Amino acid sequence: MDRIDAMQAFVTVAELTGFAPAARRLKLSPSAVTRLVAGLEEHLGVRLLQRTTRSVTLTDAGRRYLERTRRILADLEEAELAAESERLQPVGRFVVSAPVGFGRLHVGPVMAAYLSRYAEVAAELRLEDRQINLVEDGVDCAVRIGHLDDSSLVARQVGSMRRIVVGAPAYFKIHGEPRAPEALAKHETIQFGPAGEWRFVKDGKELRIAVSPRLVTNNADAAIQYAEAGGGVTRVMAYQAADGLRGGRLKRVLMKYEPPPVPIHIVFPSSRLLSAKVRAFIDLVTETCNWRFG
């Protein structure tokens, strides 16, 4: 027995004072309505209706139960309407996660526009470079750069990103520009992130170049500042160097050897329906943002 169906059947019988009219309203057979009400009475261990061949009336227990059941069904309808409204129109709390640098420069402005457009939303933007668990951390969606390996997420690609090699024009004036990845061995390098190899593509094949950096840092701004000051060449994501390139403080080199761009996704848990909040956020990004870098 579905208790909600049984409660609805009981209320309808009580309001229409009969099983036949209740069955017509509910689009069920009279026998089905009778079974639902009988099952409810058996579950409760009390008779709710007095039945005769001519009428159906409420018992005292049935009268008290009817009042409470009406409130329960009204609350349920209100909850369903609220959920339906949230599916159709963004309302309530909305939590987005993004990498620190990219979030500050590109996701933050989108959130401002989002809140301006949807007055019923209260948002939280979490900027962090670690990979979080969206469900455990209560996050509605996340912006992620790079190839995804978490199959429990649904992903919508909204852009792409290249890793590029840049240096200051003044540095290249003194040391010359590297014309091929192998030439980096003769240049001062600045390592952003864990020290290791820089990857390129040459003649259709991956080429890995070991570097011995003068400076290693876990902060892209620090790497770029040192490069702008003439400290050497650095390899960063295109959006991180965009301001320096526009301002002429940096110059991009080795472009034809750059690996293919990596995707930028908005991801959300596959265990959840695509809510109006997430759908509206994705739509706003695709409508207003050019997240194709490099």
C-alpha atoms as a PDB file:
ATOM      1  CA  MET A   1       0.000   0.000   0.000  1.00  0.00           C
ATOM      2  CA  ASP A   2       1.227   3.455  -0.927  1.00  0.00           C
ATOM      3  CA  ARG A   3       0.329   5.469   2.163  1.00  0.00           C
ATOM      4  CA  ILE A   4       0.039   8.795   0.315  1.00  0.00           C
ATOM      5  CA  ASP A   5      -2.328   7.250  -2.258  1.00  0.00           C
ATOM      6  CA  ALA A   6      -4.331   5.699   0.555  1.00  0.00           C
ATOM      7  CA  MET A   7      -4.556   9.003   2.428  1.00  0.00           C
ATOM      8  CA  GLN A   8      -5.661  10.782  -0.759  1.00  0.00           C
ATOM      9  CA  ALA A   9      -8.314   8.113  -1.340  1.00  0.00           C
ATOM     10  CA  PHE A  10      -9.592   8.451   2.234  1.00  0.00           C
ATOM     11  CA  VAL A  11      -9.833  12.251   2.021  1.00  0.00           C
ATOM     12  CA  THR A  12     -11.642  12.075  -1.329  1.00  0.00           C
ATOM     13  CA  VAL A  13     -14.149   9.500  -0.045  1.00  0.00           C
ATOM     14  CA  ALA A  14     -14.782  11.621   3.043  1.00  0.00           C
ATOM     15  CA  GLU A  15     -15.277  14.811   1.031  1.00  0.00           C
ATOM     16  CA  LEU A  16     -17.600  13.203  -1.554  1.00  0.00           C
ATOM     17  CA  THR A  17     -19.279  10.885   0.986  1.00  0.00           C
ATOM     18  CA  GLY A  18     -18.984   7.865  -1.235  1.00  0.00           C
ATOM     19  CA  PHE A  19     -16.601   5.416  -2.847  1.00  0.00           C
ATOM     20  CA  ALA A  20     -18.080   5.641  -6.343  1.00  0.00           C
ATOM     21  CA  PRO A  21     -17.755   9.429  -6.718  1.00  0.00           C
ATOM     22  CA  ALA A  22     -14.280   9.277  -5.142  1.00  0.00           C
ATOM     23  CA  ALA A  23     -13.277   6.616  -7.679  1.00  0.00           C
ATOM     24  CA  ARG A  24     -14.472   8.821 -10.559  1.00  0.00           C
ATOM     25  CA  ARG A  25     -12.469  11.816  -9.302  1.00  0.00           C
ATOM     26  CA  LEU A  26      -9.341   9.728  -8.731  1.00  0.00           C
ATOM     27  CA  LYS A  27      -9.798   7.855 -12.020  1.00  0.00           C
ATOM     28  CA  LEU A  28      -9.704   4.525 -10.195  1.00  0.00           C
ATOM     29  CA  SER A  29     -12.153   1.660  -9.869  1.00  0.00           C
ATOM     30  CA  PRO A  30     -14.422   1.661  -6.779  1.00  0.00           C
ATOM     31  CA  SER A  31     -12.832  -1.613  -5.677  1.00  0.00           C
ATOM     32  CA  ALA A  32      -9.348  -0.036  -5.857  1.00  0.00           C
ATOM     33  CA  VAL A  33     -10.473   2.905  -3.697  1.00  0.00           C
ATOM     34  CA  THR A  34     -12.058   0.487  -1.248  1.00  0.00           C
ATOM     35  CA  ARG A  35      -8.807  -1.501  -0.985  1.00  0.00           C
ATOM     36  CA  LEU A  36      -6.770   1.658  -0.381  1.00  0.00           C
ATOM     37  CA  VAL A  37      -8.995   2.865   2.437  1.00  0.00           C
ATOM     38  CA  ALA A  38      -9.238  -0.626   3.974  1.00  0.00           C
ATOM     39  CA  GLY A  39      -5.463  -0.943   3.841  1.00  0.00           C
ATOM     40  CA  LEU A  40      -5.095   2.424   5.577  1.00  0.00           C
ATOM     41  CA  GLU A  41      -7.500   1.400   8.315  1.00  0.00           C
ATOM     42  CA  GLU A  42      -5.659  -1.872   8.794  1.00  0.00           C
ATOM     43  CA  HIS A  43      -2.329  -0.016   8.980  1.00  0.00           C
ATOM     44  CA  LEU A  44      -3.704   2.400  11.586  1.00  0.00           C
ATOM     45  CA  GLY A  45      -5.648  -0.261  13.475  1.00  0.00           C
ATOM     46  CA  VAL A  46      -8.752   1.925  13.625  1.00  0.00           C
ATOM     47  CA  ARG A  47     -11.950   2.324  11.590  1.00  0.00           C
ATOM     48  CA  LEU A  48     -12.118   5.662   9.810  1.00  0.00           C
ATOM     49  CA  LEU A  49     -15.415   5.316   7.933  1.00  0.00           C
ATOM     50  CA  GLN A  50     -18.811   3.846   8.736  1.00  0.00           C
ATOM     51  CA  ARG A  51     -20.208   2.172   5.658  1.00  0.00           C
ATOM     52  CA  THR A  52     -23.818   1.337   4.953  1.00  0.00           C
ATOM     53  CA  THR A  53     -25.556   0.471   1.697  1.00  0.00           C
ATOM     54  CA  ARG A  54     -26.774   4.082   1.459  1.00  0.00           C
ATOM     55  CA  SER A  55     -24.058   6.273   2.987  1.00  0.00           C
ATOM     56  CA  VAL A  56     -20.498   6.670   4.127  1.00  0.00           C
ATOM     57  CA  THR A  57     -19.811   8.699   7.271  1.00  0.00           C
ATOM     58  CA  LEU A  58     -16.753   9.495   9.312  1.00  0.00           C
ATOM     59  CA  THR A  59     -16.104   7.896  12.665  1.00  0.00           C
ATOM     60  CA  ASP A  60     -14.791  10.130  15.456  1.00  0.00           C
ATOM     61  CA  ALA A  61     -11.314   8.801  14.807  1.00  0.00           C
ATOM     62  CA  GLY A  62     -11.847   9.358  11.091  1.00  0.00           C
ATOM     63  CA  ARG A  63     -12.880  12.975  11.658  1.00  0.00           C
ATOM     64  CA  ARG A  64      -9.736  13.712  13.641  1.00  0.00           C
ATOM     65  CA  TYR A  65      -7.559  11.854  11.140  1.00  0.00           C
ATOM     66  CA  LEU A  66      -9.159  13.708   8.221  1.00  0.00           C
ATOM     67  CA  GLU A  67      -8.120  17.089   9.620  1.00  0.00           C
ATOM     68  CA  ARG A  68      -4.500  16.008  10.045  1.00  0.00           C
ATOM     69  CA  THR A  69      -4.398  14.208   6.698  1.00  0.00           C
ATOM     70  CA  ARG A  70      -5.598  17.301   4.845  1.00  0.00           C
ATOM     71  CA  ARG A  71      -2.739  19.288   6.372  1.00  0.00           C
ATOM     72  CA  ILE A  72      -0.222  16.589   5.433  1.00  0.00           C
ATOM     73  CA  LEU A  73      -1.422  16.446   1.828  1.00  0.00           C
ATOM     74  CA  ALA A  74      -1.439  20.253   1.589  1.00  0.00           C
ATOM     75  CA  ASP A  75       2.144  20.370   2.899  1.00  0.00           C
ATOM     76  CA  LEU A  76       3.149  17.692   0.410  1.00  0.00           C
ATOM     77  CA  GLU A  77       1.605  19.624  -2.471  1.00  0.00           C
ATOM     78  CA  GLU A  78       3.367  22.793  -1.336  1.00  0.00           C
ATOM     79  CA  ALA A  79       6.698  20.949  -1.160  1.00  0.00           C
ATOM     80  CA  GLU A  80       6.199  19.529  -4.654  1.00  0.00           C
ATOM     81  CA  LEU A  81       5.319  22.956  -6.035  1.00  0.00           C
ATOM     82  CA  ALA A  82       8.426  24.431  -4.392  1.00  0.00           C
ATOM     83  CA  ALA A  83      10.607  21.702  -5.882  1.00  0.00           C
ATOM     84  CA  GLU A  84       9.012  22.188  -9.291  1.00  0.00           C
ATOM     85  CA  SER A  85       9.584  25.933  -9.031  1.00  0.00           C
ATOM     86  CA  GLU A  86      13.257  25.355  -8.219  1.00  0.00           C
ATOM     87  CA  ARG A  87      13.558  23.086 -11.240  1.00  0.00           C
ATOM     88  CA  LEU A  88      12.119  25.775 -13.512  1.00  0.00           C
ATOM     89  CA  GLN A  89      13.514  28.952 -11.947  1.00  0.00           C
ATOM     90  CA  PRO A  90      16.777  29.427  -9.994  1.00  0.00           C
ATOM     91  CA  VAL A  91      16.025  29.917  -6.300  1.00  0.00           C
ATOM     92  CA  GLY A  92      17.775  29.150  -3.023  1.00  0.00           C
ATOM     93  CA  ARG A  93      21.399  28.475  -2.163  1.00  0.00           C
ATOM     94  CA  PHE A  94      23.865  27.909  -5.004  1.00  0.00           C
ATOM     95  CA  VAL A  95      27.462  26.766  -4.369  1.00  0.00           C
ATOM     96  CA  VAL A  96      30.130  26.867  -7.097  1.00  0.00           C
ATOM     97  CA  SER A  97      33.760  25.706  -6.846  1.00  0.00           C
ATOM     98  CA  ALA A  98      36.572  26.886  -9.124  1.00  0.00           C
ATOM     99  CA  PRO A  99      40.391  27.023  -9.238  1.00  0.00           C
ATOM    100  CA  VAL A 100      41.762  30.027  -7.346  1.00  0.00           C
ATOM    101  CA  GLY A 101      43.306  32.026 -10.174  1.00  0.00           C
ATOM    102  CA  PHE A 102      40.735  31.234 -12.834  1.00  0.00           C
ATOM    103  CA  GLY A 103      37.901  31.698 -10.379  1.00  0.00           C
ATOM    104  CA  ARG A 104      39.123  35.113  -9.300  1.00  0.00           C
ATOM    105  CA  LEU A 105      39.561  36.396 -12.849  1.00  0.00           C
ATOM    106  CA  HIS A 106      36.745  34.692 -14.727  1.00  0.00           C
ATOM    107  CA  VAL A 107      34.224  32.893 -12.519  1.00  0.00           C
ATOM    108  CA  GLY A 108      33.804  35.759 -10.042  1.00  0.00           C
ATOM    109  CA  PRO A 109      32.452  38.169 -12.701  1.00  0.00           C
ATOM    110  CA  VAL A 110      30.033  35.486 -13.911  1.00  0.00           C
ATOM    111  CA  MET A 111      28.739  35.014 -10.364  1.00  0.00           C
ATOM    112  CA  ALA A 112      28.154  38.753 -10.058  1.00  0.00           C
ATOM    113  CA  ALA A 113      26.126  38.746 -13.276  1.00  0.00           C
ATOM    114  CA  TYR A 114      24.278  35.605 -12.148  1.00  0.00           C
ATOM    115  CA  LEU A 115      23.200  37.151  -8.849  1.00  0.00           C
ATOM    116  CA  SER A 116      22.117  40.304 -10.639  1.00  0.00           C
ATOM    117  CA  ARG A 117      19.937  38.246 -12.973  1.00  0.00           C
ATOM    118  CA  TYR A 118      18.430  35.873 -10.380  1.00  0.00           C
ATOM    119  CA  ALA A 119      17.302  37.754  -7.301  1.00  0.00           C
ATOM    120  CA  GLU A 120      16.026  34.638  -5.488  1.00  0.00           C
ATOM    121  CA  VAL A 121      19.484  32.999  -5.364  1.00  0.00           C
ATOM    122  CA  ALA A 122      22.043  33.295  -2.552  1.00  0.00           C
ATOM    123  CA  ALA A 123      25.406  32.070  -3.867  1.00  0.00           C
ATOM    124  CA  GLU A 124      28.744  30.916  -2.484  1.00  0.00           C
ATOM    125  CA  LEU A 125      31.891  30.849  -4.632  1.00  0.00           C
ATOM    126  CA  ARG A 126      34.624  28.573  -3.271  1.00  0.00           C
ATOM    127  CA  LEU A 127      38.060  29.140  -4.772  1.00  0.00           C
ATOM    128  CA  GLU A 128      40.407  26.222  -4.189  1.00  0.00           C
ATOM    129  CA  ASP A 129      42.900  24.328  -6.311  1.00  0.00           C
ATOM    130  CA  ARG A 130      42.311  20.919  -4.732  1.00  0.00           C
ATOM    131  CA  GLN A 131      39.906  18.420  -6.276  1.00  0.00           C
ATOM    132  CA  ILE A 132      36.866  18.298  -4.024  1.00  0.00           C
ATOM    133  CA  ASN A 133      34.030  15.791  -3.743  1.00  0.00           C
ATOM    134  CA  LEU A 134      31.010  17.750  -4.901  1.00  0.00           C
ATOM    135  CA  VAL A 135      28.435  15.668  -3.042  1.00  0.00           C
ATOM    136  CA  GLU A 136      30.331  15.470   0.255  1.00  0.00           C
ATOM    137  CA  ASP A 137      31.205  19.178   0.177  1.00  0.00           C
ATOM    138  CA  GLY A 138      27.699  20.307  -0.754  1.00  0.00           C
ATOM    139  CA  VAL A 139      28.746  21.896  -4.073  1.00  0.00           C
ATOM    140  CA  ASP A 140      26.196  22.290  -6.868  1.00  0.00           C
ATOM    141  CA  CYS A 141      28.749  22.525  -9.674  1.00  0.00           C
ATOM    142  CA  ALA A 142      32.445  23.129 -10.253  1.00  0.00           C
ATOM    143  CA  VAL A 143      34.586  24.684 -12.963  1.00  0.00           C
ATOM    144  CA  ARG A 144      37.479  22.366 -13.819  1.00  0.00           C
ATOM    145  CA  ILE A 145      40.367  22.777 -16.216  1.00  0.00           C
ATOM    146  CA  GLY A 146      41.872  19.664 -17.779  1.00  0.00           C
ATOM    147  CA  HIS A 147      40.798  16.170 -18.714  1.00  0.00           C
ATOM    148  CA  LEU A 148      38.367  14.555 -16.291  1.00  0.00           C
ATOM    149  CA  ASP A 149      38.844  11.136 -14.760  1.00  0.00           C
ATOM    150  CA  ASP A 150      35.853  11.116 -12.394  1.00  0.00           C
ATOM    151  CA  SER A 151      33.105   9.132 -14.119  1.00  0.00           C
ATOM    152  CA  SER A 152      30.577   9.990 -11.402  1.00  0.00           C
ATOM    153  CA  LEU A 153      30.330  13.543 -12.757  1.00  0.00           C
ATOM    154  CA  VAL A 154      28.350  14.981 -15.628  1.00  0.00           C
ATOM    155  CA  ALA A 155      30.430  17.471 -17.609  1.00  0.00           C
ATOM    156  CA  ARG A 156      29.548  20.313 -19.978  1.00  0.00           C
ATOM    157  CA  GLN A 157      32.501  21.696 -21.883  1.00  0.00           C
ATOM    158  CA  VAL A 158      32.430  25.492 -21.890  1.00  0.00           C
ATOM    159  CA  GLY A 159      35.913  26.350 -23.144  1.00  0.00           C
ATOM    160  CA  SER A 160      39.500  25.250 -23.630  1.00  0.00           C
ATOM    161  CA  MET A 161      42.929  26.218 -22.398  1.00  0.00           C
ATOM    162  CA  ARG A 162      46.501  25.992 -23.674  1.00  0.00           C
ATOM    163  CA  ARG A 163      49.734  25.934 -21.738  1.00  0.00           C
ATOM    164  CA  ILE A 164      52.074  28.462 -23.283  1.00  0.00           C
ATOM    165  CA  VAL A 165      55.699  29.565 -22.935  1.00  0.00           C
ATOM    166  CA  VAL A 166      56.294  33.281 -22.392  1.00  0.00           C
ATOM    167  CA  GLY A 167      59.086  35.673 -21.499  1.00  0.00           C
ATOM    168  CA  ALA A 168      59.732  39.410 -21.432  1.00  0.00           C
ATOM    169  CA  PRO A 169      60.623  41.129 -24.716  1.00  0.00           C
ATOM    170  CA  ALA A 170      63.653  42.636 -22.943  1.00  0.00           C
ATOM    171  CA  TYR A 171      64.859  39.144 -21.996  1.00  0.00           C
ATOM    172  CA  PHE A 172      64.506  37.901 -25.583  1.00  0.00           C
ATOM    173  CA  LYS A 173      66.334  40.979 -26.874  1.00  0.00           C
ATOM    174  CA  ILE A 174      69.380  39.929 -24.844  1.00  0.00           C
ATOM    175  CA  HIS A 175      69.162  36.119 -25.073  1.00  0.00           C
ATOM    176  CA  GLY A 176      67.218  35.604 -28.292  1.00  0.00           C
ATOM    177  CA  GLU A 177      63.994  33.667 -28.723  1.00  0.00           C
ATOM    178  CA  PRO A 178      64.034  29.861 -28.531  1.00  0.00           C
ATOM    179  CA  ARG A 179      63.099  28.561 -31.970  1.00  0.00           C
ATOM    180  CA  ALA A 180      62.580  24.956 -30.890  1.00  0.00           C
ATOM    181  CA  PRO A 181      61.902  23.291 -27.526  1.00  0.00           C
ATOM    182  CA  GLU A 182      65.445  21.897 -27.364  1.00  0.00           C
ATOM    183  CA  ALA A 183      66.790  25.468 -27.309  1.00  0.00           C
ATOM    184  CA  LEU A 184      65.358  25.931 -23.797  1.00  0.00           C
ATOM    185  CA  ALA A 185      68.522  24.281 -22.470  1.00  0.00           C
ATOM    186  CA  LYS A 186      70.313  27.576 -23.196  1.00  0.00           C
ATOM    187  CA  HIS A 187      67.719  29.747 -21.458  1.00  0.00           C
ATOM    188  CA  GLU A 188      66.861  30.715 -17.910  1.00  0.00           C
ATOM    189  CA  THR A 189      63.587  29.035 -16.961  1.00  0.00           C
ATOM    190  CA  ILE A 190      60.981  29.687 -14.299  1.00  0.00           C
ATOM    191  CA  GLN A 191      59.005  26.692 -13.109  1.00  0.00           C
ATOM    192  CA  PHE A 192      55.375  27.134 -12.066  1.00  0.00           C
ATOM    193  CA  GLY A 193      54.221  24.043 -10.231  1.00  0.00           C
ATOM    194  CA  PRO A 194      56.153  20.860  -9.476  1.00  0.00           C
ATOM    195  CA  ALA A 195      59.595  20.794 -11.089  1.00  0.00           C
ATOM    196  CA  GLY A 196      59.911  18.430 -14.007  1.00  0.00           C
ATOM    197  CA  GLU A 197      59.585  18.286 -17.765  1.00  0.00           C
ATOM    198  CA  TRP A 198      57.901  20.695 -20.123  1.00  0.00           C
ATOM    199  CA  ARG A 199      55.803  18.958 -22.743  1.00  0.00           C
ATOM    200  CA  PHE A 200      55.572  19.924 -26.390  1.00  0.00           C
ATOM    201  CA  VAL A 201      54.480  18.373 -29.670  1.00  0.00           C
ATOM    202  CA  LYS A 202      57.009  18.073 -32.511  1.00  0.00           C
ATOM    203  CA  ASP A 203      56.379  16.295 -35.817  1.00  0.00           C
ATOM    204  CA  GLY A 204      53.169  14.877 -34.389  1.00  0.00           C
ATOM    205  CA  LYS A 205      54.898  13.297 -31.398  1.00  0.00           C
ATOM    206  CA  GLU A 206      55.131  14.317 -27.774  1.00  0.00           C
ATOM    207  CA  LEU A 207      58.447  15.857 -26.811  1.00  0.00           C
ATOM    208  CA  ARG A 208      59.513  16.221 -23.189  1.00  0.00           C
ATOM    209  CA  ILE A 209      62.154  18.763 -22.286  1.00  0.00           C
ATOM    210  CA  ALA A 210      63.865  18.673 -18.886  1.00  0.00           C
ATOM    211  CA  VAL A 211      64.484  22.128 -17.439  1.00  0.00           C
ATOM    212  CA  SER A 212      66.709  23.361 -14.631  1.00  0.00           C
ATOM    213  CA  PRO A 213      64.817  26.390 -13.361  1.00  0.00           C
ATOM    214  CA  ARG A 214      66.339  29.386 -11.614  1.00  0.00           C
ATOM    215  CA  LEU A 215      63.054  29.832  -9.766  1.00  0.00           C
ATOM    216  CA  VAL A 216      60.405  27.308  -8.767  1.00  0.00           C
ATOM    217  CA  THR A 217      57.097  28.558  -7.372  1.00  0.00           C
ATOM    218  CA  ASN A 218      53.623  27.230  -6.739  1.00  0.00           C
ATOM    219  CA  ASN A 219      52.099  30.594  -7.631  1.00  0.00           C
ATOM    220  CA  ALA A 220      51.507  31.602 -11.240  1.00  0.00           C
ATOM    221  CA  ASP A 221      51.549  35.342 -10.436  1.00  0.00           C
ATOM    222  CA  ALA A 222      55.039  35.004  -8.924  1.00  0.00           C
ATOM    223  CA  ALA A 223      56.320  33.120 -11.977  1.00  0.00           C
ATOM    224  CA  ILE A 224      54.849  35.703 -14.342  1.00  0.00           C
ATOM    225  CA  GLN A 225      56.158  38.651 -12.336  1.00  0.00           C
ATOM    226  CA  TYR A 226      59.678  37.250 -12.455  1.00  0.00           C
ATOM    227  CA  ALA A 227      59.347  36.586 -16.189  1.00  0.00           C
ATOM    228  CA  GLU A 228      58.117  40.159 -16.770  1.00  0.00           C
ATOM    229  CA  ALA A 229      61.159  41.396 -14.837  1.00  0.00           C
ATOM    230  CA  GLY A 230      63.445  39.604 -17.297  1.00  0.00           C
ATOM    231  CA  GLY A 231      64.154  36.535 -15.173  1.00  0.00           C
ATOM    232  CA  GLY A 232      63.645  34.045 -18.001  1.00  0.00           C
ATOM    233  CA  VAL A 233      60.905  32.074 -19.704  1.00  0.00           C
ATOM    234  CA  THR A 234      58.044  30.356 -17.930  1.00  0.00           C
ATOM    235  CA  ARG A 235      55.298  27.930 -18.909  1.00  0.00           C
ATOM    236  CA  VAL A 236      51.837  28.811 -17.622  1.00  0.00           C
ATOM    237  CA  MET A 237      48.210  28.548 -18.627  1.00  0.00           C
ATOM    238  CA  ALA A 238      47.205  31.049 -21.287  1.00  0.00           C
ATOM    239  CA  TYR A 239      44.714  32.932 -19.105  1.00  0.00           C
ATOM    240  CA  GLN A 240      47.402  33.508 -16.467  1.00  0.00           C
ATOM    241  CA  ALA A 241      49.647  35.328 -18.945  1.00  0.00           C
ATOM    242  CA  ALA A 242      46.840  37.098 -20.826  1.00  0.00           C
ATOM    243  CA  ASP A 243      47.218  40.438 -19.046  1.00  0.00           C
ATOM    244  CA  GLY A 244      50.993  40.524 -19.544  1.00  0.00           C
ATOM    245  CA  LEU A 245      50.606  39.631 -23.223  1.00  0.00           C
ATOM    246  CA  ARG A 246      47.997  42.348 -23.790  1.00  0.00           C
ATOM    247  CA  GLY A 247      50.184  44.882 -22.016  1.00  0.00           C
ATOM    248  CA  GLY A 248      53.299  43.965 -24.008  1.00  0.00           C
ATOM    249  CA  ARG A 249      55.181  42.878 -20.888  1.00  0.00           C
ATOM    250  CA  LEU A 250      55.329  39.279 -22.131  1.00  0.00           C
ATOM    251  CA  LYS A 251      55.845  37.627 -25.481  1.00  0.00           C
ATOM    252  CA  ARG A 252      54.700  34.158 -26.449  1.00  0.00           C
ATOM    253  CA  VAL A 253      57.178  31.752 -28.015  1.00  0.00           C
ATOM    254  CA  LEU A 254      57.257  28.151 -29.291  1.00  0.00           C
ATOM    255  CA  MET A 255      53.607  28.406 -30.333  1.00  0.00           C
ATOM    256  CA  LYS A 256      53.810  25.776 -33.058  1.00  0.00           C
ATOM    257  CA  TYR A 257      55.075  23.243 -30.517  1.00  0.00           C
ATOM    258  CA  GLU A 258      52.310  23.721 -27.981  1.00  0.00           C
ATOM    259  CA  PRO A 259      50.313  20.617 -26.998  1.00  0.00           C
ATOM    260  CA  PRO A 260      46.594  20.558 -27.866  1.00  0.00           C
ATOM    261  CA  PRO A 261      44.390  22.636 -25.574  1.00  0.00           C
ATOM    262  CA  VAL A 262      42.787  21.003 -22.546  1.00  0.00           C
ATOM    263  CA  PRO A 263      39.041  21.407 -21.956  1.00  0.00           C
ATOM    264  CA  ILE A 264      37.315  23.634 -19.433  1.00  0.00           C
ATOM    265  CA  HIS A 265      34.228  21.943 -18.000  1.00  0.00           C
ATOM    266  CA  ILE A 266      31.403  22.751 -15.662  1.00  0.00           C
ATOM    267  CA  VAL A 267      30.725  19.532 -13.766  1.00  0.00           C
ATOM    268  CA  PHE A 268      27.972  18.398 -11.433  1.00  0.00           C
ATOM    269  CA  PRO A 269      27.109  15.053  -9.792  1.00  0.00           C
ATOM    270  CA  SER A 270      25.409  12.533 -12.056  1.00  0.00           C
ATOM    271  CA  SER A 271      23.281  11.448  -9.090  1.00  0.00           C
ATOM    272  CA  ARG A 272      21.416  14.769  -9.232  1.00  0.00           C
ATOM    273  CA  LEU A 273      19.020  16.173 -11.793  1.00  0.00           C
ATOM    274  CA  LEU A 274      20.247  19.244 -13.604  1.00  0.00           C
ATOM    275  CA  SER A 275      18.698  21.945 -11.442  1.00  0.00           C
ATOM    276  CA  ALA A 276      17.561  25.304 -12.754  1.00  0.00           C
ATOM    277  CA  LYS A 277      20.441  26.919 -10.849  1.00  0.00           C
ATOM    278  CA  VAL A 278      23.129  24.858 -12.590  1.00  0.00           C
ATOM    279  CA  ARG A 279      21.421  25.055 -15.979  1.00  0.00           C
ATOM    280  CA  ALA A 280      21.143  28.855 -15.721  1.00  0.00           C
ATOM    281  CA  PHE A 281      24.820  29.110 -14.707  1.00  0.00           C
ATOM    282  CA  ILE A 282      25.942  27.033 -17.695  1.00  0.00           C
ATOM    283  CA  ASP A 283      23.727  29.078 -20.009  1.00  0.00           C
ATOM    284  CA  LEU A 284      25.151  32.340 -18.657  1.00  0.00           C
ATOM    285  CA  VAL A 285      28.729  31.147 -19.189  1.00  0.00           C
ATOM    286  CA  THR A 286      28.067  30.022 -22.761  1.00  0.00           C
ATOM    287  CA  GLU A 287      26.147  33.221 -23.572  1.00  0.00           C
ATOM    288  CA  THR A 288      28.527  35.788 -22.097  1.00  0.00           C
ATOM    289  CA  CYS A 289      32.003  34.256 -21.747  1.00  0.00           C
ATOM    290  CA  ASN A 290      34.712  33.422 -24.238  1.00  0.00           C
ATOM    291  CA  TRP A 291      36.600  30.780 -22.300  1.00  0.00           C
ATOM    292  CA  ARG A 292      38.829  29.692 -25.174  1.00  0.00           C
ATOM    293  CA  PHE A 293      42.314  30.711 -24.149  1.00  0.00           C
ATOM    294  CA  GLY A 294      45.324  30.518 -26.419  1.00  0.00           C
END
